[in-house]
Amino acid sequence: MNADETIEVHGTKRWVKAEDADLSGSTFTDVNLSRATFKNVNFAGAQFEDVNLSGWKVRNANIAGIDIHRADLRGASITDCLVVGMTIDGVPVTELMAAYRALTADAK
């Protein structure tokens, strides 16, 4: 298939199965991808704006350099992750965790 070809899908409800495909540069506007499955997918440089990501599960992912801005993170959980260099409102997470551990250790 010629990379200059565009496949347009409008006003329809369909399942799309894409395997061994290069969809880079594609755009999705006002699209419902709920319950979609993505495995071994390269989202490098992708942009998500005005999206509902509630209930997402992210496992074994490289999200280095991610920029999350004005997001509702209530109930979010980050576990067993490399957080060196990660900040929350400009404060290094490693420092926040060290301060918390020092406070909770003193309380014991």
PDB file of N, CA and C in Angstrom:
ATOM      1  N   MET A   1       0.842  -1.184   0.000  1.00  0.00           N
ATOM      2  CA  MET A   1       0.000   0.000   0.000  1.00  0.00           C
ATOM      3  C   MET A   1       0.877   1.233   0.000  1.00  0.00           C
ATOM      4  N   ASN A   2       0.519   2.185  -0.766  1.00  0.00           N
ATOM      5  CA  ASN A   2       1.225   3.450  -0.841  1.00  0.00           C
ATOM      6  C   ASN A   2       1.027   4.224   0.453  1.00  0.00           C
ATOM      7  N   ALA A   3       2.114   4.717   1.047  1.00  0.00           N
ATOM      8  CA  ALA A   3       2.034   5.449   2.313  1.00  0.00           C
ATOM      9  C   ALA A   3       1.255   6.749   2.173  1.00  0.00           C
ATOM     10  N   ASP A   4       1.080   7.226   0.955  1.00  0.00           N
ATOM     11  CA  ASP A   4       0.330   8.474   0.742  1.00  0.00           C
ATOM     12  C   ASP A   4      -1.171   8.253   0.705  1.00  0.00           C
ATOM     13  N   GLU A   5      -1.600   6.999   0.656  1.00  0.00           N
ATOM     14  CA  GLU A   5      -3.026   6.706   0.650  1.00  0.00           C
ATOM     15  C   GLU A   5      -3.621   6.958   2.025  1.00  0.00           C
ATOM     16  N   THR A   6      -4.812   7.476   2.071  1.00  0.00           N
ATOM     17  CA  THR A   6      -5.511   7.687   3.325  1.00  0.00           C
ATOM     18  C   THR A   6      -6.768   6.845   3.338  1.00  0.00           C
ATOM     19  N   ILE A   7      -6.959   6.112   4.419  1.00  0.00           N
ATOM     20  CA  ILE A   7      -8.184   5.355   4.613  1.00  0.00           C
ATOM     21  C   ILE A   7      -9.054   6.208   5.530  1.00  0.00           C
ATOM     22  N   GLU A   8     -10.214   6.581   5.085  1.00  0.00           N
ATOM     23  CA  GLU A   8     -11.098   7.412   5.891  1.00  0.00           C
ATOM     24  C   GLU A   8     -12.278   6.585   6.381  1.00  0.00           C
ATOM     25  N   VAL A   9     -12.567   6.712   7.678  1.00  0.00           N
ATOM     26  CA  VAL A   9     -13.690   6.017   8.298  1.00  0.00           C
ATOM     27  C   VAL A   9     -14.538   7.087   8.967  1.00  0.00           C
ATOM     28  N   HIS A  10     -15.775   7.227   8.533  1.00  0.00           N
ATOM     29  CA  HIS A  10     -16.668   8.259   9.056  1.00  0.00           C
ATOM     30  C   HIS A  10     -18.009   7.656   9.451  1.00  0.00           C
ATOM     31  N   GLY A  11     -18.562   8.113  10.572  1.00  0.00           N
ATOM     32  CA  GLY A  11     -19.929   7.781  10.956  1.00  0.00           C
ATOM     33  C   GLY A  11     -20.262   6.305  10.920  1.00  0.00           C
ATOM     34  N   THR A  12     -19.373   5.465  11.420  1.00  0.00           N
ATOM     35  CA  THR A  12     -19.628   4.029  11.408  1.00  0.00           C
ATOM     36  C   THR A  12     -19.203   3.421  12.733  1.00  0.00           C
ATOM     37  N   LYS A  13     -19.732   2.270  13.042  1.00  0.00           N
ATOM     38  CA  LYS A  13     -19.322   1.516  14.220  1.00  0.00           C
ATOM     39  C   LYS A  13     -18.755   0.206  13.705  1.00  0.00           C
ATOM     40  N   ARG A  14     -17.429   0.060  13.797  1.00  0.00           N
ATOM     41  CA  ARG A  14     -16.764  -1.126  13.273  1.00  0.00           C
ATOM     42  C   ARG A  14     -15.603  -1.501  14.170  1.00  0.00           C
ATOM     43  N   TRP A  15     -15.190  -2.727  14.106  1.00  0.00           N
ATOM     44  CA  TRP A  15     -13.966  -3.165  14.749  1.00  0.00           C
ATOM     45  C   TRP A  15     -12.872  -3.075  13.703  1.00  0.00           C
ATOM     46  N   VAL A  16     -11.725  -2.594  14.127  1.00  0.00           N
ATOM     47  CA  VAL A  16     -10.567  -2.536  13.233  1.00  0.00           C
ATOM     48  C   VAL A  16      -9.502  -3.462  13.797  1.00  0.00           C
ATOM     49  N   LYS A  17      -8.996  -4.351  12.983  1.00  0.00           N
ATOM     50  CA  LYS A  17      -7.905  -5.227  13.381  1.00  0.00           C
ATOM     51  C   LYS A  17      -6.696  -4.825  12.544  1.00  0.00           C
ATOM     52  N   ALA A  18      -5.689  -4.287  13.229  1.00  0.00           N
ATOM     53  CA  ALA A  18      -4.477  -3.870  12.527  1.00  0.00           C
ATOM     54  C   ALA A  18      -3.314  -4.673  13.087  1.00  0.00           C
ATOM     55  N   GLU A  19      -2.629  -5.404  12.236  1.00  0.00           N
ATOM     56  CA  GLU A  19      -1.468  -6.192  12.629  1.00  0.00           C
ATOM     57  C   GLU A  19      -0.345  -5.899  11.649  1.00  0.00           C
ATOM     58  N   ASP A  20       0.884  -5.799  12.200  1.00  0.00           N
ATOM     59  CA  ASP A  20       2.053  -5.530  11.372  1.00  0.00           C
ATOM     60  C   ASP A  20       1.765  -4.360  10.428  1.00  0.00           C
ATOM     61  N   ALA A  21       1.260  -3.265  11.019  1.00  0.00           N
ATOM     62  CA  ALA A  21       0.837  -2.119  10.218  1.00  0.00           C
ATOM     63  C   ALA A  21       1.557  -0.855  10.685  1.00  0.00           C
ATOM     64  N   ASP A  22       1.766   0.072   9.789  1.00  0.00           N
ATOM     65  CA  ASP A  22       2.336   1.374  10.122  1.00  0.00           C
ATOM     66  C   ASP A  22       1.237   2.411   9.943  1.00  0.00           C
ATOM     67  N   LEU A  23       0.667   2.836  11.066  1.00  0.00           N
ATOM     68  CA  LEU A  23      -0.390   3.846  11.044  1.00  0.00           C
ATOM     69  C   LEU A  23       0.134   5.185  11.550  1.00  0.00           C
ATOM     70  N   SER A  24       1.467   5.363  11.527  1.00  0.00           N
ATOM     71  CA  SER A  24       2.059   6.596  12.034  1.00  0.00           C
ATOM     72  C   SER A  24       1.503   7.797  11.269  1.00  0.00           C
ATOM     73  N   GLY A  25       1.303   8.870  12.011  1.00  0.00           N
ATOM     74  CA  GLY A  25       0.765  10.086  11.412  1.00  0.00           C
ATOM     75  C   GLY A  25      -0.751  10.090  11.299  1.00  0.00           C
ATOM     76  N   SER A  26      -1.407   9.021  11.739  1.00  0.00           N
ATOM     77  CA  SER A  26      -2.867   8.955  11.679  1.00  0.00           C
ATOM     78  C   SER A  26      -3.477   9.914  12.694  1.00  0.00           C
ATOM     79  N   THR A  27      -4.692  10.327  12.448  1.00  0.00           N
ATOM     80  CA  THR A  27      -5.414  11.168  13.397  1.00  0.00           C
ATOM     81  C   THR A  27      -6.742  10.513  13.736  1.00  0.00           C
ATOM     82  N   PHE A  28      -7.141  10.685  14.992  1.00  0.00           N
ATOM     83  CA  PHE A  28      -8.402  10.153  15.475  1.00  0.00           C
ATOM     84  C   PHE A  28      -9.100  11.294  16.201  1.00  0.00           C
ATOM     85  N   THR A  29     -10.247  11.729  15.722  1.00  0.00           N
ATOM     86  CA  THR A  29     -10.983  12.826  16.326  1.00  0.00           C
ATOM     87  C   THR A  29     -12.412  12.382  16.587  1.00  0.00           C
ATOM     88  N   ASP A  30     -12.881  12.585  17.812  1.00  0.00           N
ATOM     89  CA  ASP A  30     -14.225  12.185  18.216  1.00  0.00           C
ATOM     90  C   ASP A  30     -14.446  10.701  17.914  1.00  0.00           C
ATOM     91  N   VAL A  31     -13.516   9.872  18.434  1.00  0.00           N
ATOM     92  CA  VAL A  31     -13.519   8.431  18.181  1.00  0.00           C
ATOM     93  C   VAL A  31     -13.635   7.681  19.504  1.00  0.00           C
ATOM     94  N   ASN A  32     -14.412   6.636  19.540  1.00  0.00           N
ATOM     95  CA  ASN A  32     -14.554   5.794  20.720  1.00  0.00           C
ATOM     96  C   ASN A  32     -13.647   4.582  20.566  1.00  0.00           C
ATOM     97  N   LEU A  33     -12.574   4.544  21.380  1.00  0.00           N
ATOM     98  CA  LEU A  33     -11.661   3.403  21.365  1.00  0.00           C
ATOM     99  C   LEU A  33     -11.741   2.633  22.682  1.00  0.00           C
ATOM    100  N   SER A  34     -12.862   2.786  23.405  1.00  0.00           N
ATOM    101  CA  SER A  34     -13.005   2.080  24.680  1.00  0.00           C
ATOM    102  C   SER A  34     -12.894   0.578  24.446  1.00  0.00           C
ATOM    103  N   ARG A  35     -12.258  -0.091  25.402  1.00  0.00           N
ATOM    104  CA  ARG A  35     -12.024  -1.533  25.373  1.00  0.00           C
ATOM    105  C   ARG A  35     -11.116  -1.968  24.218  1.00  0.00           C
ATOM    106  N   ALA A  36     -10.462  -1.022  23.537  1.00  0.00           N
ATOM    107  CA  ALA A  36      -9.493  -1.388  22.496  1.00  0.00           C
ATOM    108  C   ALA A  36      -8.261  -1.984  23.164  1.00  0.00           C
ATOM    109  N   THR A  37      -7.568  -2.835  22.482  1.00  0.00           N
ATOM    110  CA  THR A  37      -6.360  -3.466  23.002  1.00  0.00           C
ATOM    111  C   THR A  37      -5.179  -3.057  22.140  1.00  0.00           C
ATOM    112  N   PHE A  38      -4.103  -2.642  22.797  1.00  0.00           N
ATOM    113  CA  PHE A  38      -2.880  -2.263  22.105  1.00  0.00           C
ATOM    114  C   PHE A  38      -1.746  -3.112  22.672  1.00  0.00           C
ATOM    115  N   LYS A  39      -1.083  -3.889  21.843  1.00  0.00           N
ATOM    116  CA  LYS A  39       0.043  -4.724  22.274  1.00  0.00           C
ATOM    117  C   LYS A  39       1.222  -4.464  21.346  1.00  0.00           C
ATOM    118  N   ASN A  40       2.389  -4.272  21.950  1.00  0.00           N
ATOM    119  CA  ASN A  40       3.602  -4.012  21.187  1.00  0.00           C
ATOM    120  C   ASN A  40       3.379  -2.869  20.195  1.00  0.00           C
ATOM    121  N   VAL A  41       2.933  -1.734  20.731  1.00  0.00           N
ATOM    122  CA  VAL A  41       2.581  -0.567  19.923  1.00  0.00           C
ATOM    123  C   VAL A  41       3.554   0.568  20.222  1.00  0.00           C
ATOM    124  N   ASN A  42       3.984   1.281  19.208  1.00  0.00           N
ATOM    125  CA  ASN A  42       4.875   2.424  19.367  1.00  0.00           C
ATOM    126  C   ASN A  42       4.041   3.695  19.340  1.00  0.00           C
ATOM    127  N   PHE A  43       3.871   4.312  20.520  1.00  0.00           N
ATOM    128  CA  PHE A  43       3.151   5.579  20.641  1.00  0.00           C
ATOM    129  C   PHE A  43       4.126   6.749  20.815  1.00  0.00           C
ATOM    130  N   ALA A  44       5.408   6.545  20.519  1.00  0.00           N
ATOM    131  CA  ALA A  44       6.403   7.605  20.700  1.00  0.00           C
ATOM    132  C   ALA A  44       5.966   8.865  19.954  1.00  0.00           C
ATOM    133  N   GLY A  45       5.950   9.980  20.661  1.00  0.00           N
ATOM    134  CA  GLY A  45       5.580  11.251  20.048  1.00  0.00           C
ATOM    135  C   GLY A  45       4.089  11.446  19.880  1.00  0.00           C
ATOM    136  N   ALA A  46       3.286  10.486  20.315  1.00  0.00           N
ATOM    137  CA  ALA A  46       1.831  10.618  20.185  1.00  0.00           C
ATOM    138  C   ALA A  46       1.330  11.711  21.120  1.00  0.00           C
ATOM    139  N   GLN A  47       0.223  12.315  20.769  1.00  0.00           N
ATOM    140  CA  GLN A  47      -0.376  13.349  21.593  1.00  0.00           C
ATOM    141  C   GLN A  47      -1.810  12.955  21.912  1.00  0.00           C
ATOM    142  N   PHE A  48      -2.163  13.119  23.183  1.00  0.00           N
ATOM    143  CA  PHE A  48      -3.512  12.823  23.637  1.00  0.00           C
ATOM    144  C   PHE A  48      -4.057  14.098  24.242  1.00  0.00           C
ATOM    145  N   GLU A  49      -5.164  14.598  23.739  1.00  0.00           N
ATOM    146  CA  GLU A  49      -5.752  15.831  24.242  1.00  0.00           C
ATOM    147  C   GLU A  49      -7.258  15.641  24.391  1.00  0.00           C
ATOM    148  N   ASP A  50      -7.776  16.072  25.533  1.00  0.00           N
ATOM    149  CA  ASP A  50      -9.208  15.911  25.837  1.00  0.00           C
ATOM    150  C   ASP A  50      -9.615  14.444  25.707  1.00  0.00           C
ATOM    151  N   VAL A  51      -8.917  13.563  26.444  1.00  0.00           N
ATOM    152  CA  VAL A  51      -9.184  12.138  26.368  1.00  0.00           C
ATOM    153  C   VAL A  51      -9.620  11.582  27.716  1.00  0.00           C
ATOM    154  N   ASN A  52     -10.417  10.542  27.688  1.00  0.00           N
ATOM    155  CA  ASN A  52     -10.831   9.825  28.890  1.00  0.00           C
ATOM    156  C   ASN A  52      -9.977   8.578  28.993  1.00  0.00           C
ATOM    157  N   LEU A  53      -9.038   8.586  29.950  1.00  0.00           N
ATOM    158  CA  LEU A  53      -8.148   7.443  30.146  1.00  0.00           C
ATOM    159  C   LEU A  53      -8.489   6.695  31.425  1.00  0.00           C
ATOM    160  N   SER A  54      -9.686   6.925  31.969  1.00  0.00           N
ATOM    161  CA  SER A  54     -10.066   6.279  33.225  1.00  0.00           C
ATOM    162  C   SER A  54     -10.057   4.761  33.067  1.00  0.00           C
ATOM    163  N   GLY A  55      -9.568   4.099  34.096  1.00  0.00           N
ATOM    164  CA  GLY A  55      -9.536   2.641  34.082  1.00  0.00           C
ATOM    165  C   GLY A  55      -8.387   2.045  33.294  1.00  0.00           C
ATOM    166  N   TRP A  56      -7.502   2.885  32.767  1.00  0.00           N
ATOM    167  CA  TRP A  56      -6.358   2.369  32.005  1.00  0.00           C
ATOM    168  C   TRP A  56      -5.470   1.529  32.886  1.00  0.00           C
ATOM    169  N   LYS A  57      -4.842   0.532  32.309  1.00  0.00           N
ATOM    170  CA  LYS A  57      -3.790  -0.233  32.953  1.00  0.00           C
ATOM    171  C   LYS A  57      -2.582  -0.180  32.023  1.00  0.00           C
ATOM    172  N   VAL A  58      -1.461   0.262  32.564  1.00  0.00           N
ATOM    173  CA  VAL A  58      -0.244   0.363  31.769  1.00  0.00           C
ATOM    174  C   VAL A  58       0.801  -0.538  32.416  1.00  0.00           C
ATOM    175  N   ARG A  59       1.313  -1.501  31.693  1.00  0.00           N
ATOM    176  CA  ARG A  59       2.283  -2.455  32.209  1.00  0.00           C
ATOM    177  C   ARG A  59       3.498  -2.478  31.283  1.00  0.00           C
ATOM    178  N   ASN A  60       4.682  -2.594  31.865  1.00  0.00           N
ATOM    179  CA  ASN A  60       5.915  -2.734  31.085  1.00  0.00           C
ATOM    180  C   ASN A  60       6.004  -1.684  29.981  1.00  0.00           C
ATOM    181  N   ALA A  61       5.849  -0.435  30.366  1.00  0.00           N
ATOM    182  CA  ALA A  61       5.825   0.649  29.386  1.00  0.00           C
ATOM    183  C   ALA A  61       6.984   1.614  29.591  1.00  0.00           C
ATOM    184  N   ASN A  62       7.493   2.155  28.529  1.00  0.00           N
ATOM    185  CA  ASN A  62       8.478   3.220  28.591  1.00  0.00           C
ATOM    186  C   ASN A  62       7.728   4.534  28.375  1.00  0.00           C
ATOM    187  N   ILE A  63       7.518   5.269  29.457  1.00  0.00           N
ATOM    188  CA  ILE A  63       6.861   6.576  29.340  1.00  0.00           C
ATOM    189  C   ILE A  63       7.814   7.679  29.803  1.00  0.00           C
ATOM    190  N   ALA A  64       9.127   7.417  29.622  1.00  0.00           N
ATOM    191  CA  ALA A  64      10.135   8.415  29.969  1.00  0.00           C
ATOM    192  C   ALA A  64       9.842   9.705  29.209  1.00  0.00           C
ATOM    193  N   GLY A  65       9.888  10.805  29.920  1.00  0.00           N
ATOM    194  CA  GLY A  65       9.661  12.101  29.292  1.00  0.00           C
ATOM    195  C   GLY A  65       8.199  12.465  29.134  1.00  0.00           C
ATOM    196  N   ILE A  66       7.297  11.651  29.677  1.00  0.00           N
ATOM    197  CA  ILE A  66       5.871  11.957  29.564  1.00  0.00           C
ATOM    198  C   ILE A  66       5.575  13.290  30.262  1.00  0.00           C
ATOM    199  N   ASP A  67       4.697  14.064  29.706  1.00  0.00           N
ATOM    200  CA  ASP A  67       4.295  15.350  30.274  1.00  0.00           C
ATOM    201  C   ASP A  67       2.795  15.291  30.516  1.00  0.00           C
ATOM    202  N   ILE A  68       2.416  15.205  31.780  1.00  0.00           N
ATOM    203  CA  ILE A  68       0.995  15.149  32.143  1.00  0.00           C
ATOM    204  C   ILE A  68       0.626  16.507  32.711  1.00  0.00           C
ATOM    205  N   HIS A  69      -0.337  17.152  32.108  1.00  0.00           N
ATOM    206  CA  HIS A  69      -0.699  18.517  32.478  1.00  0.00           C
ATOM    207  C   HIS A  69      -2.214  18.624  32.638  1.00  0.00           C
ATOM    208  N   ARG A  70      -2.656  19.190  33.735  1.00  0.00           N
ATOM    209  CA  ARG A  70      -4.085  19.362  34.039  1.00  0.00           C
ATOM    210  C   ARG A  70      -4.852  18.050  33.943  1.00  0.00           C
ATOM    211  N   ALA A  71      -4.356  17.022  34.619  1.00  0.00           N
ATOM    212  CA  ALA A  71      -4.994  15.705  34.590  1.00  0.00           C
ATOM    213  C   ALA A  71      -5.637  15.394  35.933  1.00  0.00           C
ATOM    214  N   ASP A  72      -6.714  14.663  35.909  1.00  0.00           N
ATOM    215  CA  ASP A  72      -7.366  14.173  37.118  1.00  0.00           C
ATOM    216  C   ASP A  72      -6.700  12.850  37.471  1.00  0.00           C
ATOM    217  N   LEU A  73      -5.878  12.859  38.526  1.00  0.00           N
ATOM    218  CA  LEU A  73      -5.137  11.658  38.917  1.00  0.00           C
ATOM    219  C   LEU A  73      -5.711  11.016  40.172  1.00  0.00           C
ATOM    220  N   ARG A  74      -6.944  11.367  40.529  1.00  0.00           N
ATOM    221  CA  ARG A  74      -7.564  10.754  41.713  1.00  0.00           C
ATOM    222  C   ARG A  74      -7.598   9.241  41.548  1.00  0.00           C
ATOM    223  N   GLY A  75      -7.113   8.551  42.579  1.00  0.00           N
ATOM    224  CA  GLY A  75      -7.138   7.088  42.557  1.00  0.00           C
ATOM    225  C   GLY A  75      -6.040   6.461  41.722  1.00  0.00           C
ATOM    226  N   ALA A  76      -5.168   7.285  41.139  1.00  0.00           N
ATOM    227  CA  ALA A  76      -4.072   6.733  40.337  1.00  0.00           C
ATOM    228  C   ALA A  76      -3.093   6.010  41.248  1.00  0.00           C
ATOM    229  N   SER A  77      -2.457   4.990  40.735  1.00  0.00           N
ATOM    230  CA  SER A  77      -1.493   4.202  41.493  1.00  0.00           C
ATOM    231  C   SER A  77      -0.255   3.976  40.635  1.00  0.00           C
ATOM    232  N   ILE A  78       0.902   4.284  41.205  1.00  0.00           N
ATOM    233  CA  ILE A  78       2.174   4.031  40.530  1.00  0.00           C
ATOM    234  C   ILE A  78       2.949   3.079  41.424  1.00  0.00           C
ATOM    235  N   THR A  79       3.277   1.902  40.922  1.00  0.00           N
ATOM    236  CA  THR A  79       3.902   0.864  41.728  1.00  0.00           C
ATOM    237  C   THR A  79       5.080   0.247  40.990  1.00  0.00           C
ATOM    238  N   ASP A  80       6.169  -0.002  41.718  1.00  0.00           N
ATOM    239  CA  ASP A  80       7.321  -0.724  41.183  1.00  0.00           C
ATOM    240  C   ASP A  80       7.824  -0.093  39.885  1.00  0.00           C
ATOM    241  N   CYS A  81       8.017   1.243  39.930  1.00  0.00           N
ATOM    242  CA  CYS A  81       8.441   1.969  38.739  1.00  0.00           C
ATOM    243  C   CYS A  81       9.730   2.740  38.996  1.00  0.00           C
ATOM    244  N   LEU A  82      10.503   2.964  37.969  1.00  0.00           N
ATOM    245  CA  LEU A  82      11.693   3.788  38.036  1.00  0.00           C
ATOM    246  C   LEU A  82      11.240   5.243  38.014  1.00  0.00           C
ATOM    247  N   VAL A  83      11.493   5.986  39.108  1.00  0.00           N
ATOM    248  CA  VAL A  83      10.996   7.360  39.213  1.00  0.00           C
ATOM    249  C   VAL A  83      12.123   8.392  39.327  1.00  0.00           C
ATOM    250  N   VAL A  84      13.372   7.972  39.140  1.00  0.00           N
ATOM    251  CA  VAL A  84      14.487   8.915  39.184  1.00  0.00           C
ATOM    252  C   VAL A  84      14.293   9.952  38.081  1.00  0.00           C
ATOM    253  N   GLY A  85      14.295  11.225  38.452  1.00  0.00           N
ATOM    254  CA  GLY A  85      14.086  12.302  37.487  1.00  0.00           C
ATOM    255  C   GLY A  85      12.630  12.712  37.343  1.00  0.00           C
ATOM    256  N   MET A  86      11.705  11.938  37.899  1.00  0.00           N
ATOM    257  CA  MET A  86      10.277  12.284  37.846  1.00  0.00           C
ATOM    258  C   MET A  86       9.997  13.384  38.856  1.00  0.00           C
ATOM    259  N   THR A  87       9.169  14.357  38.470  1.00  0.00           N
ATOM    260  CA  THR A  87       8.787  15.434  39.382  1.00  0.00           C
ATOM    261  C   THR A  87       7.272  15.570  39.442  1.00  0.00           C
ATOM    262  N   ILE A  88       6.805  16.098  40.554  1.00  0.00           N
ATOM    263  CA  ILE A  88       5.400  16.494  40.696  1.00  0.00           C
ATOM    264  C   ILE A  88       5.426  17.958  41.081  1.00  0.00           C
ATOM    265  N   ASP A  89       4.850  18.798  40.246  1.00  0.00           N
ATOM    266  CA  ASP A  89       4.887  20.250  40.431  1.00  0.00           C
ATOM    267  C   ASP A  89       6.308  20.736  40.690  1.00  0.00           C
ATOM    268  N   GLY A  90       7.288  20.169  39.993  1.00  0.00           N
ATOM    269  CA  GLY A  90       8.676  20.594  40.077  1.00  0.00           C
ATOM    270  C   GLY A  90       9.478  19.969  41.204  1.00  0.00           C
ATOM    271  N   VAL A  91       8.830  19.191  42.071  1.00  0.00           N
ATOM    272  CA  VAL A  91       9.521  18.564  43.203  1.00  0.00           C
ATOM    273  C   VAL A  91       9.883  17.124  42.819  1.00  0.00           C
ATOM    274  N   PRO A  92      11.177  16.768  42.938  1.00  0.00           N
ATOM    275  CA  PRO A  92      11.571  15.396  42.599  1.00  0.00           C
ATOM    276  C   PRO A  92      10.828  14.363  43.461  1.00  0.00           C
ATOM    277  N   VAL A  93      10.264  13.371  42.833  1.00  0.00           N
ATOM    278  CA  VAL A  93       9.506  12.331  43.531  1.00  0.00           C
ATOM    279  C   VAL A  93      10.399  11.568  44.502  1.00  0.00           C
ATOM    280  N   THR A  94      11.665  11.353  44.133  1.00  0.00           N
ATOM    281  CA  THR A  94      12.566  10.645  45.040  1.00  0.00           C
ATOM    282  C   THR A  94      12.732  11.414  46.348  1.00  0.00           C
ATOM    283  N   GLU A  95      12.754  12.751  46.281  1.00  0.00           N
ATOM    284  CA  GLU A  95      12.853  13.557  47.502  1.00  0.00           C
ATOM    285  C   GLU A  95      11.552  13.488  48.308  1.00  0.00           C
ATOM    286  N   LEU A  96      10.424  13.516  47.620  1.00  0.00           N
ATOM    287  CA  LEU A  96       9.135  13.395  48.309  1.00  0.00           C
ATOM    288  C   LEU A  96       9.042  12.061  49.036  1.00  0.00           C
ATOM    289  N   MET A  97       9.473  10.989  48.375  1.00  0.00           N
ATOM    290  CA  MET A  97       9.411   9.665  48.984  1.00  0.00           C
ATOM    291  C   MET A  97      10.370   9.568  50.174  1.00  0.00           C
ATOM    292  N   ALA A  98      11.567  10.142  50.039  1.00  0.00           N
ATOM    293  CA  ALA A  98      12.534  10.117  51.143  1.00  0.00           C
ATOM    294  C   ALA A  98      11.989  10.892  52.345  1.00  0.00           C
ATOM    295  N   ALA A  99      11.374  12.041  52.100  1.00  0.00           N
ATOM    296  CA  ALA A  99      10.809  12.834  53.194  1.00  0.00           C
ATOM    297  C   ALA A  99       9.665  12.085  53.865  1.00  0.00           C
ATOM    298  N   TYR A 100       8.820  11.452  53.083  1.00  0.00           N
ATOM    299  CA  TYR A 100       7.711  10.678  53.639  1.00  0.00           C
ATOM    300  C   TYR A 100       8.234   9.527  54.491  1.00  0.00           C
ATOM    301  N   ARG A 101       9.227   8.817  53.973  1.00  0.00           N
ATOM    302  CA  ARG A 101       9.782   7.681  54.727  1.00  0.00           C
ATOM    303  C   ARG A 101      10.426   8.152  56.030  1.00  0.00           C
ATOM    304  N   ALA A 102      11.102   9.321  56.003  1.00  0.00           N
ATOM    305  CA  ALA A 102      11.709   9.852  57.229  1.00  0.00           C
ATOM    306  C   ALA A 102      10.643  10.221  58.251  1.00  0.00           C
ATOM    307  N   LEU A 103       9.547  10.813  57.788  1.00  0.00           N
ATOM    308  CA  LEU A 103       8.454  11.179  58.699  1.00  0.00           C
ATOM    309  C   LEU A 103       7.773   9.956  59.289  1.00  0.00           C
ATOM    310  N   THR A 104       7.527   8.969  58.455  1.00  0.00           N
ATOM    311  CA  THR A 104       6.823   7.776  58.949  1.00  0.00           C
ATOM    312  C   THR A 104       7.729   6.922  59.819  1.00  0.00           C
ATOM    313  N   ALA A 105       9.045   6.951  59.584  1.00  0.00           N
ATOM    314  CA  ALA A 105       9.985   6.214  60.422  1.00  0.00           C
ATOM    315  C   ALA A 105      10.047   6.831  61.816  1.00  0.00           C
ATOM    316  N   ASP A 106       9.974   8.182  61.885  1.00  0.00           N
ATOM    317  CA  ASP A 106       9.980   8.888  63.170  1.00  0.00           C
ATOM    318  C   ASP A 106       8.724   8.608  63.966  1.00  0.00           C
ATOM    319  N   ALA A 107       7.636   8.333  63.285  1.00  0.00           N
ATOM    320  CA  ALA A 107       6.356   8.103  63.948  1.00  0.00           C
ATOM    321  C   ALA A 107       6.303   6.721  64.601  1.00  0.00           C
ATOM    322  N   LYS A 108       7.193   5.844  64.226  1.00  0.00           N
ATOM    323  CA  LYS A 108       7.167   4.467  64.762  1.00  0.00           C
ATOM    324  C   LYS A 108       7.846   4.375  66.094  1.00  0.00           C
TER     325      LYS A 108
END
